[in-house]
């Protein structure tokens, strides 16, 4: 058996290529991936902004870090600026339509968003199916641009809310007690 793994950075550039035996090539790539992806994170934020870049076509890949940062009952903001819409599987949805395919099940399938009080999704193009995945309509607020997110979130936020951000959510891996990165000036 032969496997290929690529480690990418936040610019979608391949910075490491590992090929060969499943176990050996994976073990060889882990140190580089950990160096690039390990992220010290805030905990118990009242509001968290998670950017799905560099994999905006799969909005769910940007959610997985939200429970690590967000306190229960906080607000989640998911940025997914992908003008082609979400990568869809025809069994569940059809691009550009407001109905699902044979596997369509409304009501939210993203467990990472279950404990959020509200979910703001900033996306210029989402089908009804995409919005349904994030949760029930009374909880999900869809905004086409950042200005709309800012206006709605500011209007609905509470005094002294503290926030956290996840700029490259699909790539980031939360790590406890990671020393702060050193920067050369």
N, C-alpha and C. Protein backbone atom coordinates (compact mmCIF):
# COMPACT_ATOMS: atom_id res chain seq x y z
N UNK A 1 0.83 -1.18 0.00
CA UNK A 1 0.00 0.00 0.00
C UNK A 1 0.88 1.24 0.00
N UNK A 2 0.38 2.27 -0.65
CA UNK A 2 1.13 3.51 -0.82
C UNK A 2 0.20 4.68 -0.52
N UNK A 3 0.68 5.64 0.25
CA UNK A 3 -0.13 6.79 0.64
C UNK A 3 0.65 8.07 0.40
N UNK A 4 -0.07 9.14 0.07
CA UNK A 4 0.55 10.45 -0.12
C UNK A 4 -0.19 11.45 0.77
N UNK A 5 0.55 12.23 1.55
CA UNK A 5 -0.01 13.31 2.36
C UNK A 5 0.76 14.59 2.06
N UNK A 6 0.04 15.70 2.06
CA UNK A 6 0.64 17.00 1.81
C UNK A 6 0.32 17.90 3.00
N UNK A 7 1.29 18.60 3.50
CA UNK A 7 1.09 19.61 4.53
C UNK A 7 1.04 20.94 3.80
N UNK A 8 -0.06 21.70 4.05
CA UNK A 8 -0.19 23.00 3.40
C UNK A 8 -0.17 24.09 4.46
N UNK A 9 0.15 25.30 3.99
CA UNK A 9 0.13 26.44 4.90
C UNK A 9 -1.14 27.26 4.67
N UNK A 10 -1.24 28.40 5.35
CA UNK A 10 -2.44 29.24 5.25
C UNK A 10 -2.61 29.90 3.89
N UNK A 11 -1.62 29.79 3.01
CA UNK A 11 -1.72 30.35 1.66
C UNK A 11 -2.04 29.27 0.63
N UNK A 12 -2.38 28.08 1.11
CA UNK A 12 -2.65 26.91 0.27
C UNK A 12 -1.42 26.42 -0.48
N UNK A 13 -0.24 26.73 0.04
CA UNK A 13 1.00 26.29 -0.57
C UNK A 13 1.42 24.96 0.05
N UNK A 14 1.85 24.02 -0.79
CA UNK A 14 2.37 22.76 -0.28
C UNK A 14 3.75 23.02 0.32
N UNK A 15 3.92 22.71 1.59
CA UNK A 15 5.21 22.93 2.23
C UNK A 15 5.86 21.62 2.66
N UNK A 16 5.16 20.52 2.48
CA UNK A 16 5.72 19.22 2.81
C UNK A 16 4.96 18.13 2.07
N UNK A 17 5.69 17.19 1.49
CA UNK A 17 5.08 16.07 0.77
C UNK A 17 5.65 14.80 1.37
N UNK A 18 4.77 13.89 1.80
CA UNK A 18 5.19 12.66 2.45
C UNK A 18 4.51 11.49 1.75
N UNK A 19 5.31 10.54 1.29
CA UNK A 19 4.81 9.42 0.50
C UNK A 19 5.38 8.11 1.02
N UNK A 20 4.61 7.05 0.86
CA UNK A 20 5.11 5.73 1.19
C UNK A 20 4.14 4.93 2.03
N UNK A 21 4.70 4.10 2.88
CA UNK A 21 3.93 3.25 3.78
C UNK A 21 2.99 4.13 4.62
N UNK A 22 1.75 3.67 4.83
CA UNK A 22 0.74 4.44 5.54
C UNK A 22 1.24 4.98 6.87
N UNK A 23 1.80 4.13 7.67
CA UNK A 23 2.21 4.52 9.02
C UNK A 23 3.50 5.35 8.98
N UNK A 24 4.48 4.91 8.24
CA UNK A 24 5.77 5.60 8.21
C UNK A 24 5.67 7.01 7.65
N UNK A 25 4.95 7.18 6.53
CA UNK A 25 4.86 8.52 5.94
C UNK A 25 4.05 9.45 6.84
N UNK A 26 3.04 8.91 7.51
CA UNK A 26 2.25 9.74 8.43
C UNK A 26 3.12 10.21 9.58
N UNK A 27 3.87 9.31 10.17
CA UNK A 27 4.75 9.67 11.28
C UNK A 27 5.81 10.67 10.84
N UNK A 28 6.27 10.55 9.62
CA UNK A 28 7.28 11.49 9.11
C UNK A 28 6.70 12.90 8.94
N UNK A 29 5.42 13.00 8.58
CA UNK A 29 4.79 14.29 8.34
C UNK A 29 4.26 14.99 9.58
N UNK A 30 4.02 14.25 10.65
CA UNK A 30 3.41 14.83 11.85
C UNK A 30 4.20 15.99 12.44
N UNK A 31 5.53 15.90 12.59
CA UNK A 31 6.24 17.05 13.19
C UNK A 31 6.05 18.36 12.41
N UNK A 32 6.08 18.30 11.09
CA UNK A 32 5.88 19.52 10.30
C UNK A 32 4.44 20.00 10.43
N UNK A 33 3.48 19.09 10.33
CA UNK A 33 2.08 19.48 10.46
C UNK A 33 1.80 20.08 11.83
N UNK A 34 2.38 19.51 12.85
CA UNK A 34 2.18 20.03 14.21
C UNK A 34 2.79 21.43 14.34
N UNK A 35 3.97 21.61 13.76
CA UNK A 35 4.62 22.93 13.82
C UNK A 35 3.76 23.99 13.13
N UNK A 36 3.16 23.64 12.01
CA UNK A 36 2.35 24.58 11.24
C UNK A 36 0.96 24.77 11.84
N UNK A 37 0.34 23.70 12.34
CA UNK A 37 -1.07 23.73 12.73
C UNK A 37 -1.35 23.90 14.21
N UNK A 38 -0.40 23.56 15.08
CA UNK A 38 -0.64 23.67 16.52
C UNK A 38 -0.92 25.12 16.88
N UNK A 39 -2.00 25.35 17.62
CA UNK A 39 -2.46 26.69 17.88
C UNK A 39 -2.85 26.87 19.34
N UNK A 40 -2.23 27.82 20.04
CA UNK A 40 -2.73 28.14 21.38
C UNK A 40 -4.05 28.88 21.21
N UNK A 41 -5.04 28.54 22.00
CA UNK A 41 -6.36 29.13 21.81
C UNK A 41 -6.89 29.73 23.10
N UNK A 42 -7.81 30.66 22.92
CA UNK A 42 -8.55 31.21 24.05
C UNK A 42 -9.60 30.18 24.46
N UNK A 43 -10.05 30.25 25.66
CA UNK A 43 -11.10 29.34 26.14
C UNK A 43 -12.25 30.16 26.69
N UNK A 44 -13.45 29.60 26.63
CA UNK A 44 -14.65 30.19 27.21
C UNK A 44 -14.97 31.58 26.68
N UNK A 45 -14.78 31.79 25.39
CA UNK A 45 -15.13 33.08 24.77
C UNK A 45 -16.64 33.20 24.65
N UNK A 46 -17.14 34.42 24.78
CA UNK A 46 -18.57 34.67 24.61
C UNK A 46 -18.97 34.62 23.14
N UNK A 47 -18.02 34.99 22.29
CA UNK A 47 -18.27 34.97 20.84
C UNK A 47 -16.97 34.54 20.17
N UNK A 48 -17.07 33.67 19.18
CA UNK A 48 -15.89 33.22 18.46
C UNK A 48 -16.14 33.38 16.96
N UNK A 49 -15.13 33.87 16.26
CA UNK A 49 -15.19 34.01 14.82
C UNK A 49 -14.26 32.96 14.22
N UNK A 50 -14.82 32.07 13.41
CA UNK A 50 -14.04 31.00 12.78
C UNK A 50 -14.09 31.18 11.27
N UNK A 51 -12.92 31.34 10.68
CA UNK A 51 -12.80 31.50 9.23
C UNK A 51 -12.56 30.12 8.62
N UNK A 52 -13.32 29.76 7.61
CA UNK A 52 -13.19 28.43 7.00
C UNK A 52 -12.08 28.37 5.96
N UNK A 53 -11.40 29.49 5.71
CA UNK A 53 -10.27 29.49 4.78
C UNK A 53 -9.14 28.63 5.34
N UNK A 54 -8.47 27.84 4.61
CA UNK A 54 -8.40 27.73 3.15
C UNK A 54 -9.29 26.65 2.54
N UNK A 55 -10.35 26.24 3.24
CA UNK A 55 -11.24 25.20 2.71
C UNK A 55 -12.69 25.66 2.79
N UNK A 56 -12.97 26.83 2.23
CA UNK A 56 -14.29 27.44 2.34
C UNK A 56 -15.39 26.63 1.69
N UNK A 57 -15.05 25.77 0.76
CA UNK A 57 -16.06 24.97 0.08
C UNK A 57 -16.63 23.87 0.95
N UNK A 58 -16.05 23.67 2.13
CA UNK A 58 -16.57 22.69 3.08
C UNK A 58 -16.72 23.38 4.43
N UNK A 59 -17.81 24.11 4.56
CA UNK A 59 -18.05 24.94 5.73
C UNK A 59 -17.88 24.18 7.05
N UNK A 60 -18.29 22.95 7.10
CA UNK A 60 -18.20 22.17 8.33
C UNK A 60 -16.79 21.98 8.83
N UNK A 61 -15.80 22.04 7.96
CA UNK A 61 -14.41 21.88 8.39
C UNK A 61 -13.93 23.08 9.20
N UNK A 62 -14.67 24.18 9.15
CA UNK A 62 -14.30 25.35 9.93
C UNK A 62 -14.98 25.41 11.28
N UNK A 63 -15.80 24.41 11.59
CA UNK A 63 -16.55 24.44 12.85
C UNK A 63 -15.87 23.68 13.98
N UNK A 64 -15.05 22.75 13.67
CA UNK A 64 -14.61 21.80 14.67
C UNK A 64 -13.86 22.42 15.83
N UNK A 65 -13.24 23.59 15.65
CA UNK A 65 -12.53 24.23 16.76
C UNK A 65 -13.44 25.09 17.63
N UNK A 66 -14.63 25.37 17.18
CA UNK A 66 -15.53 26.27 17.91
C UNK A 66 -15.80 25.79 19.34
N UNK A 67 -16.11 24.51 19.58
CA UNK A 67 -16.35 24.09 20.97
C UNK A 67 -15.12 24.23 21.87
N UNK A 68 -13.93 24.23 21.29
CA UNK A 68 -12.71 24.40 22.07
C UNK A 68 -12.56 25.84 22.57
N UNK A 69 -13.16 26.79 21.86
CA UNK A 69 -12.99 28.21 22.17
C UNK A 69 -14.23 28.80 22.84
N UNK A 70 -15.40 28.42 22.38
CA UNK A 70 -16.66 29.05 22.78
C UNK A 70 -17.21 28.46 24.08
N UNK A 71 -17.66 29.33 24.97
CA UNK A 71 -18.35 28.85 26.17
C UNK A 71 -19.75 28.40 25.75
N UNK A 72 -20.33 27.51 26.51
CA UNK A 72 -21.69 27.05 26.20
C UNK A 72 -22.65 28.23 26.27
N UNK A 73 -23.47 28.38 25.25
CA UNK A 73 -24.41 29.49 25.19
C UNK A 73 -23.84 30.75 24.57
N UNK A 74 -22.60 30.69 24.09
CA UNK A 74 -22.01 31.84 23.40
C UNK A 74 -22.46 31.89 21.95
N UNK A 75 -21.96 32.85 21.21
CA UNK A 75 -22.33 33.03 19.81
C UNK A 75 -21.16 32.66 18.90
N UNK A 76 -21.47 31.95 17.83
CA UNK A 76 -20.45 31.56 16.85
C UNK A 76 -20.67 32.34 15.57
N UNK A 77 -19.56 32.79 14.98
CA UNK A 77 -19.59 33.44 13.67
C UNK A 77 -18.71 32.60 12.76
N UNK A 78 -19.29 32.13 11.65
CA UNK A 78 -18.56 31.30 10.70
C UNK A 78 -18.44 32.07 9.40
N UNK A 79 -17.19 32.32 8.97
CA UNK A 79 -16.93 33.03 7.72
C UNK A 79 -16.62 32.01 6.64
N UNK A 80 -17.40 32.00 5.58
CA UNK A 80 -17.16 31.07 4.50
C UNK A 80 -17.46 31.76 3.18
N UNK A 81 -16.49 32.49 2.70
CA UNK A 81 -16.66 33.30 1.50
C UNK A 81 -16.25 32.51 0.26
N UNK A 82 -17.13 31.64 -0.17
CA UNK A 82 -16.85 30.79 -1.33
C UNK A 82 -17.94 31.02 -2.36
N UNK A 83 -17.60 31.76 -3.42
CA UNK A 83 -18.62 32.21 -4.35
C UNK A 83 -19.28 31.09 -5.14
N UNK A 84 -18.71 29.91 -5.13
CA UNK A 84 -19.34 28.78 -5.84
C UNK A 84 -20.32 28.03 -4.96
N UNK A 85 -20.46 28.43 -3.70
CA UNK A 85 -21.32 27.69 -2.78
C UNK A 85 -20.55 26.53 -2.18
N UNK A 86 -21.20 25.77 -1.35
CA UNK A 86 -20.57 24.65 -0.68
C UNK A 86 -20.42 23.46 -1.62
N UNK A 87 -19.35 22.67 -1.39
CA UNK A 87 -19.19 21.41 -2.13
C UNK A 87 -20.30 20.49 -1.66
N UNK A 88 -21.09 20.07 -2.58
CA UNK A 88 -22.28 19.31 -2.21
C UNK A 88 -22.20 17.88 -2.69
N UNK A 89 -22.89 17.05 -1.99
CA UNK A 89 -23.07 15.68 -2.42
C UNK A 89 -24.51 15.59 -2.90
N UNK A 90 -24.72 15.11 -4.09
CA UNK A 90 -26.06 15.11 -4.68
C UNK A 90 -27.08 14.33 -3.86
N UNK A 91 -26.62 13.42 -3.04
CA UNK A 91 -27.55 12.68 -2.19
C UNK A 91 -28.23 13.61 -1.20
N UNK A 92 -27.51 14.67 -0.77
CA UNK A 92 -28.03 15.56 0.26
C UNK A 92 -28.58 16.87 -0.27
N UNK A 93 -28.00 17.41 -1.32
CA UNK A 93 -28.40 18.73 -1.77
C UNK A 93 -28.12 18.89 -3.25
N UNK A 94 -28.65 19.94 -3.79
CA UNK A 94 -28.41 20.26 -5.20
C UNK A 94 -28.01 21.72 -5.27
N UNK A 95 -26.84 22.02 -5.86
CA UNK A 95 -26.32 23.37 -5.90
C UNK A 95 -27.33 24.35 -6.49
N UNK A 96 -27.50 25.46 -5.81
CA UNK A 96 -28.36 26.53 -6.30
C UNK A 96 -29.83 26.33 -6.04
N UNK A 97 -30.20 25.32 -5.27
CA UNK A 97 -31.61 25.07 -5.02
C UNK A 97 -31.91 25.23 -3.53
N UNK A 98 -33.17 25.33 -3.21
CA UNK A 98 -33.58 25.43 -1.82
C UNK A 98 -34.27 24.15 -1.34
N UNK A 99 -33.86 23.03 -1.87
CA UNK A 99 -34.39 21.75 -1.41
C UNK A 99 -33.27 20.74 -1.43
N UNK A 100 -33.44 19.71 -0.69
CA UNK A 100 -32.40 18.70 -0.59
C UNK A 100 -32.64 17.52 -1.51
N UNK A 101 -31.65 16.68 -1.57
CA UNK A 101 -31.76 15.44 -2.32
C UNK A 101 -32.38 14.36 -1.46
N UNK A 102 -32.21 13.10 -1.86
CA UNK A 102 -32.83 11.98 -1.15
C UNK A 102 -32.34 11.86 0.29
N UNK A 103 -31.12 12.29 0.58
CA UNK A 103 -30.57 12.17 1.92
C UNK A 103 -30.77 13.40 2.79
N UNK A 104 -31.56 14.36 2.32
CA UNK A 104 -31.74 15.63 3.03
C UNK A 104 -32.44 15.41 4.37
N UNK A 105 -31.83 15.96 5.43
CA UNK A 105 -32.41 15.90 6.77
C UNK A 105 -32.22 17.26 7.42
N UNK A 106 -33.28 18.06 7.51
CA UNK A 106 -33.14 19.39 8.11
C UNK A 106 -32.91 19.29 9.61
N UNK A 107 -32.43 20.38 10.20
CA UNK A 107 -32.33 20.45 11.64
C UNK A 107 -30.94 20.53 12.21
N UNK A 108 -29.93 20.58 11.39
CA UNK A 108 -28.58 20.78 11.89
C UNK A 108 -27.80 19.48 12.04
N UNK A 109 -26.68 19.43 11.37
CA UNK A 109 -25.82 18.25 11.45
C UNK A 109 -24.42 18.60 11.93
N UNK A 110 -24.19 19.85 12.25
CA UNK A 110 -22.87 20.24 12.70
C UNK A 110 -22.86 20.24 14.22
N UNK A 111 -22.41 19.15 14.84
CA UNK A 111 -22.45 19.08 16.30
C UNK A 111 -21.59 20.14 16.98
N UNK A 112 -20.59 20.66 16.28
CA UNK A 112 -19.73 21.69 16.88
C UNK A 112 -20.50 22.97 17.17
N UNK A 113 -21.64 23.16 16.52
CA UNK A 113 -22.42 24.38 16.72
C UNK A 113 -23.59 24.18 17.68
N UNK A 114 -23.77 22.96 18.18
CA UNK A 114 -24.94 22.64 18.99
C UNK A 114 -25.04 23.47 20.27
N UNK A 115 -23.92 23.79 20.91
CA UNK A 115 -23.96 24.52 22.18
C UNK A 115 -23.95 26.04 22.02
N UNK A 116 -23.92 26.52 20.79
CA UNK A 116 -23.95 27.97 20.56
C UNK A 116 -25.37 28.49 20.74
N UNK A 117 -25.47 29.68 21.29
CA UNK A 117 -26.78 30.32 21.42
C UNK A 117 -27.29 30.74 20.05
N UNK A 118 -26.40 31.39 19.30
CA UNK A 118 -26.73 31.82 17.93
C UNK A 118 -25.54 31.50 17.05
N UNK A 119 -25.82 31.28 15.78
CA UNK A 119 -24.78 31.02 14.79
C UNK A 119 -24.96 32.03 13.66
N UNK A 120 -23.96 32.89 13.50
CA UNK A 120 -23.96 33.84 12.38
C UNK A 120 -23.11 33.20 11.28
N UNK A 121 -23.67 33.10 10.09
CA UNK A 121 -22.90 32.57 8.97
C UNK A 121 -22.74 33.67 7.95
N UNK A 122 -21.48 34.05 7.68
CA UNK A 122 -21.21 35.02 6.64
C UNK A 122 -20.81 34.26 5.39
N UNK A 123 -21.70 34.28 4.43
CA UNK A 123 -21.44 33.59 3.17
C UNK A 123 -22.28 34.27 2.09
N UNK A 124 -21.67 34.59 0.97
CA UNK A 124 -22.45 35.23 -0.09
C UNK A 124 -23.43 34.27 -0.75
N UNK A 125 -23.15 32.98 -0.71
CA UNK A 125 -23.99 32.00 -1.40
C UNK A 125 -24.18 30.77 -0.53
N UNK A 126 -25.38 30.54 -0.08
CA UNK A 126 -25.73 29.33 0.65
C UNK A 126 -27.10 28.87 0.20
N UNK A 127 -27.26 27.58 0.04
CA UNK A 127 -28.58 27.04 -0.23
C UNK A 127 -29.31 26.84 1.10
N UNK A 128 -30.59 26.58 1.03
CA UNK A 128 -31.36 26.29 2.23
C UNK A 128 -30.75 25.10 2.96
N UNK A 129 -30.31 24.13 2.23
CA UNK A 129 -29.69 22.95 2.83
C UNK A 129 -28.46 23.34 3.66
N UNK A 130 -27.61 24.21 3.11
CA UNK A 130 -26.42 24.65 3.83
C UNK A 130 -26.80 25.35 5.14
N UNK A 131 -27.81 26.20 5.08
CA UNK A 131 -28.25 26.90 6.29
C UNK A 131 -28.83 25.92 7.30
N UNK A 132 -29.59 24.93 6.83
CA UNK A 132 -30.17 23.94 7.72
C UNK A 132 -29.11 23.13 8.45
N UNK A 133 -27.97 22.90 7.80
CA UNK A 133 -26.91 22.12 8.44
C UNK A 133 -26.39 22.79 9.70
N UNK A 134 -26.41 24.11 9.72
CA UNK A 134 -25.86 24.87 10.84
C UNK A 134 -26.78 24.86 12.06
N UNK A 135 -28.04 24.52 11.88
CA UNK A 135 -28.96 24.47 13.01
C UNK A 135 -30.34 24.97 12.63
N UNK A 136 -31.24 25.01 13.61
CA UNK A 136 -32.61 25.44 13.34
C UNK A 136 -32.66 26.91 12.94
N UNK A 137 -33.63 27.29 12.11
CA UNK A 137 -33.70 28.66 11.58
C UNK A 137 -33.75 29.75 12.65
N UNK A 138 -34.32 29.47 13.80
CA UNK A 138 -34.40 30.49 14.85
C UNK A 138 -33.03 30.75 15.49
N UNK A 139 -32.06 29.89 15.23
CA UNK A 139 -30.73 30.01 15.82
C UNK A 139 -29.70 30.53 14.81
N UNK A 140 -29.92 30.28 13.53
CA UNK A 140 -28.94 30.60 12.49
C UNK A 140 -29.29 31.92 11.83
N UNK A 141 -28.32 32.83 11.80
CA UNK A 141 -28.50 34.14 11.16
C UNK A 141 -27.53 34.20 9.99
N UNK A 142 -28.07 34.22 8.80
CA UNK A 142 -27.26 34.22 7.59
C UNK A 142 -27.04 35.65 7.13
N UNK A 143 -25.79 36.01 6.90
CA UNK A 143 -25.42 37.35 6.45
C UNK A 143 -24.54 37.21 5.21
N UNK A 144 -24.76 38.04 4.22
CA UNK A 144 -24.00 37.93 2.97
C UNK A 144 -22.62 38.60 3.02
N UNK A 145 -22.41 39.50 4.00
CA UNK A 145 -21.11 40.19 4.06
C UNK A 145 -20.79 40.54 5.51
N UNK A 146 -19.53 40.96 5.73
CA UNK A 146 -19.08 41.24 7.09
C UNK A 146 -19.85 42.40 7.72
N UNK A 147 -20.22 43.40 6.93
CA UNK A 147 -20.98 44.53 7.47
C UNK A 147 -22.29 44.06 8.10
N UNK A 148 -22.97 43.14 7.46
CA UNK A 148 -24.23 42.61 8.00
C UNK A 148 -23.97 41.82 9.29
N UNK A 149 -22.90 41.04 9.31
CA UNK A 149 -22.56 40.29 10.53
C UNK A 149 -22.29 41.27 11.66
N UNK A 150 -21.49 42.27 11.40
CA UNK A 150 -21.13 43.24 12.43
C UNK A 150 -22.35 43.96 12.97
N UNK A 151 -23.22 44.42 12.09
CA UNK A 151 -24.43 45.13 12.54
C UNK A 151 -25.31 44.21 13.39
N UNK A 152 -25.56 43.00 12.92
CA UNK A 152 -26.45 42.07 13.64
C UNK A 152 -25.83 41.64 14.96
N UNK A 153 -24.54 41.29 14.95
CA UNK A 153 -23.89 40.81 16.17
C UNK A 153 -23.80 41.93 17.20
N UNK A 154 -23.46 43.15 16.78
CA UNK A 154 -23.39 44.28 17.71
C UNK A 154 -24.74 44.58 18.33
N UNK A 155 -25.77 44.48 17.52
CA UNK A 155 -27.11 44.75 18.00
C UNK A 155 -27.55 43.70 19.03
N UNK A 156 -27.08 42.47 18.85
CA UNK A 156 -27.53 41.37 19.70
C UNK A 156 -26.56 41.01 20.82
N UNK A 157 -25.37 41.61 20.82
CA UNK A 157 -24.38 41.22 21.83
C UNK A 157 -24.69 41.84 23.17
N UNK A 158 -24.05 41.28 24.18
CA UNK A 158 -24.22 41.76 25.55
C UNK A 158 -23.01 42.60 25.93
N UNK A 159 -23.16 43.51 26.88
CA UNK A 159 -22.00 44.28 27.33
C UNK A 159 -20.92 43.35 27.87
N UNK A 160 -19.69 43.69 27.62
CA UNK A 160 -18.52 42.97 28.11
C UNK A 160 -18.34 41.59 27.51
N UNK A 161 -18.92 41.31 26.37
CA UNK A 161 -18.65 40.04 25.71
C UNK A 161 -17.17 39.98 25.33
N UNK A 162 -16.54 38.83 25.56
CA UNK A 162 -15.16 38.62 25.16
C UNK A 162 -15.13 37.64 24.01
N UNK A 163 -14.26 37.91 23.04
CA UNK A 163 -14.25 37.10 21.84
C UNK A 163 -12.95 36.36 21.62
N UNK A 164 -13.02 35.41 20.71
CA UNK A 164 -11.86 34.65 20.28
C UNK A 164 -11.94 34.48 18.77
N UNK A 165 -10.80 34.29 18.14
CA UNK A 165 -10.79 34.14 16.70
C UNK A 165 -10.00 32.92 16.27
N UNK A 166 -10.45 32.31 15.18
CA UNK A 166 -9.78 31.16 14.59
C UNK A 166 -9.61 31.47 13.11
N UNK A 167 -8.46 32.07 12.72
CA UNK A 167 -8.31 32.58 11.36
C UNK A 167 -8.23 31.53 10.26
N UNK A 168 -7.73 30.34 10.55
CA UNK A 168 -7.60 29.27 9.54
C UNK A 168 -8.14 27.97 10.14
N UNK A 169 -9.40 27.96 10.50
CA UNK A 169 -9.98 26.86 11.27
C UNK A 169 -9.74 25.46 10.70
N UNK A 170 -9.82 25.24 9.37
CA UNK A 170 -9.58 23.88 8.89
C UNK A 170 -8.15 23.39 9.12
N UNK A 171 -7.21 24.31 9.26
CA UNK A 171 -5.81 23.93 9.44
C UNK A 171 -5.37 23.90 10.90
N UNK A 172 -6.07 24.59 11.76
CA UNK A 172 -5.59 24.77 13.12
C UNK A 172 -5.95 23.60 14.03
N UNK A 173 -5.03 23.30 14.94
CA UNK A 173 -5.20 22.21 15.89
C UNK A 173 -5.01 22.79 17.28
N UNK A 174 -6.06 22.77 18.12
CA UNK A 174 -5.92 23.35 19.44
C UNK A 174 -4.97 22.53 20.31
N UNK A 175 -4.06 23.23 20.98
CA UNK A 175 -3.09 22.57 21.84
C UNK A 175 -3.06 23.32 23.15
N UNK A 176 -3.18 22.60 24.24
CA UNK A 176 -3.10 23.21 25.57
C UNK A 176 -1.65 23.50 25.90
N UNK A 177 -1.44 24.59 26.58
CA UNK A 177 -0.12 24.95 27.11
C UNK A 177 0.96 25.04 26.06
N UNK A 178 0.62 25.51 24.87
CA UNK A 178 1.61 25.72 23.83
C UNK A 178 2.28 27.07 24.07
N UNK A 179 3.61 27.12 24.08
CA UNK A 179 4.25 28.42 24.31
C UNK A 179 3.93 29.38 23.17
N UNK A 180 3.85 30.65 23.51
CA UNK A 180 3.58 31.68 22.50
C UNK A 180 4.69 31.67 21.45
N UNK A 181 4.34 31.90 20.17
CA UNK A 181 5.36 31.92 19.13
C UNK A 181 6.31 33.08 19.32
N UNK A 182 7.54 32.89 18.93
CA UNK A 182 8.54 33.95 19.02
C UNK A 182 8.63 34.64 17.68
N UNK A 183 8.63 35.95 17.70
CA UNK A 183 8.70 36.73 16.48
C UNK A 183 9.99 37.53 16.45
N UNK A 184 10.58 37.58 15.29
CA UNK A 184 11.77 38.40 15.12
C UNK A 184 11.33 39.77 14.66
N UNK A 185 11.86 40.84 15.27
CA UNK A 185 11.41 42.19 14.99
C UNK A 185 12.17 42.89 13.93
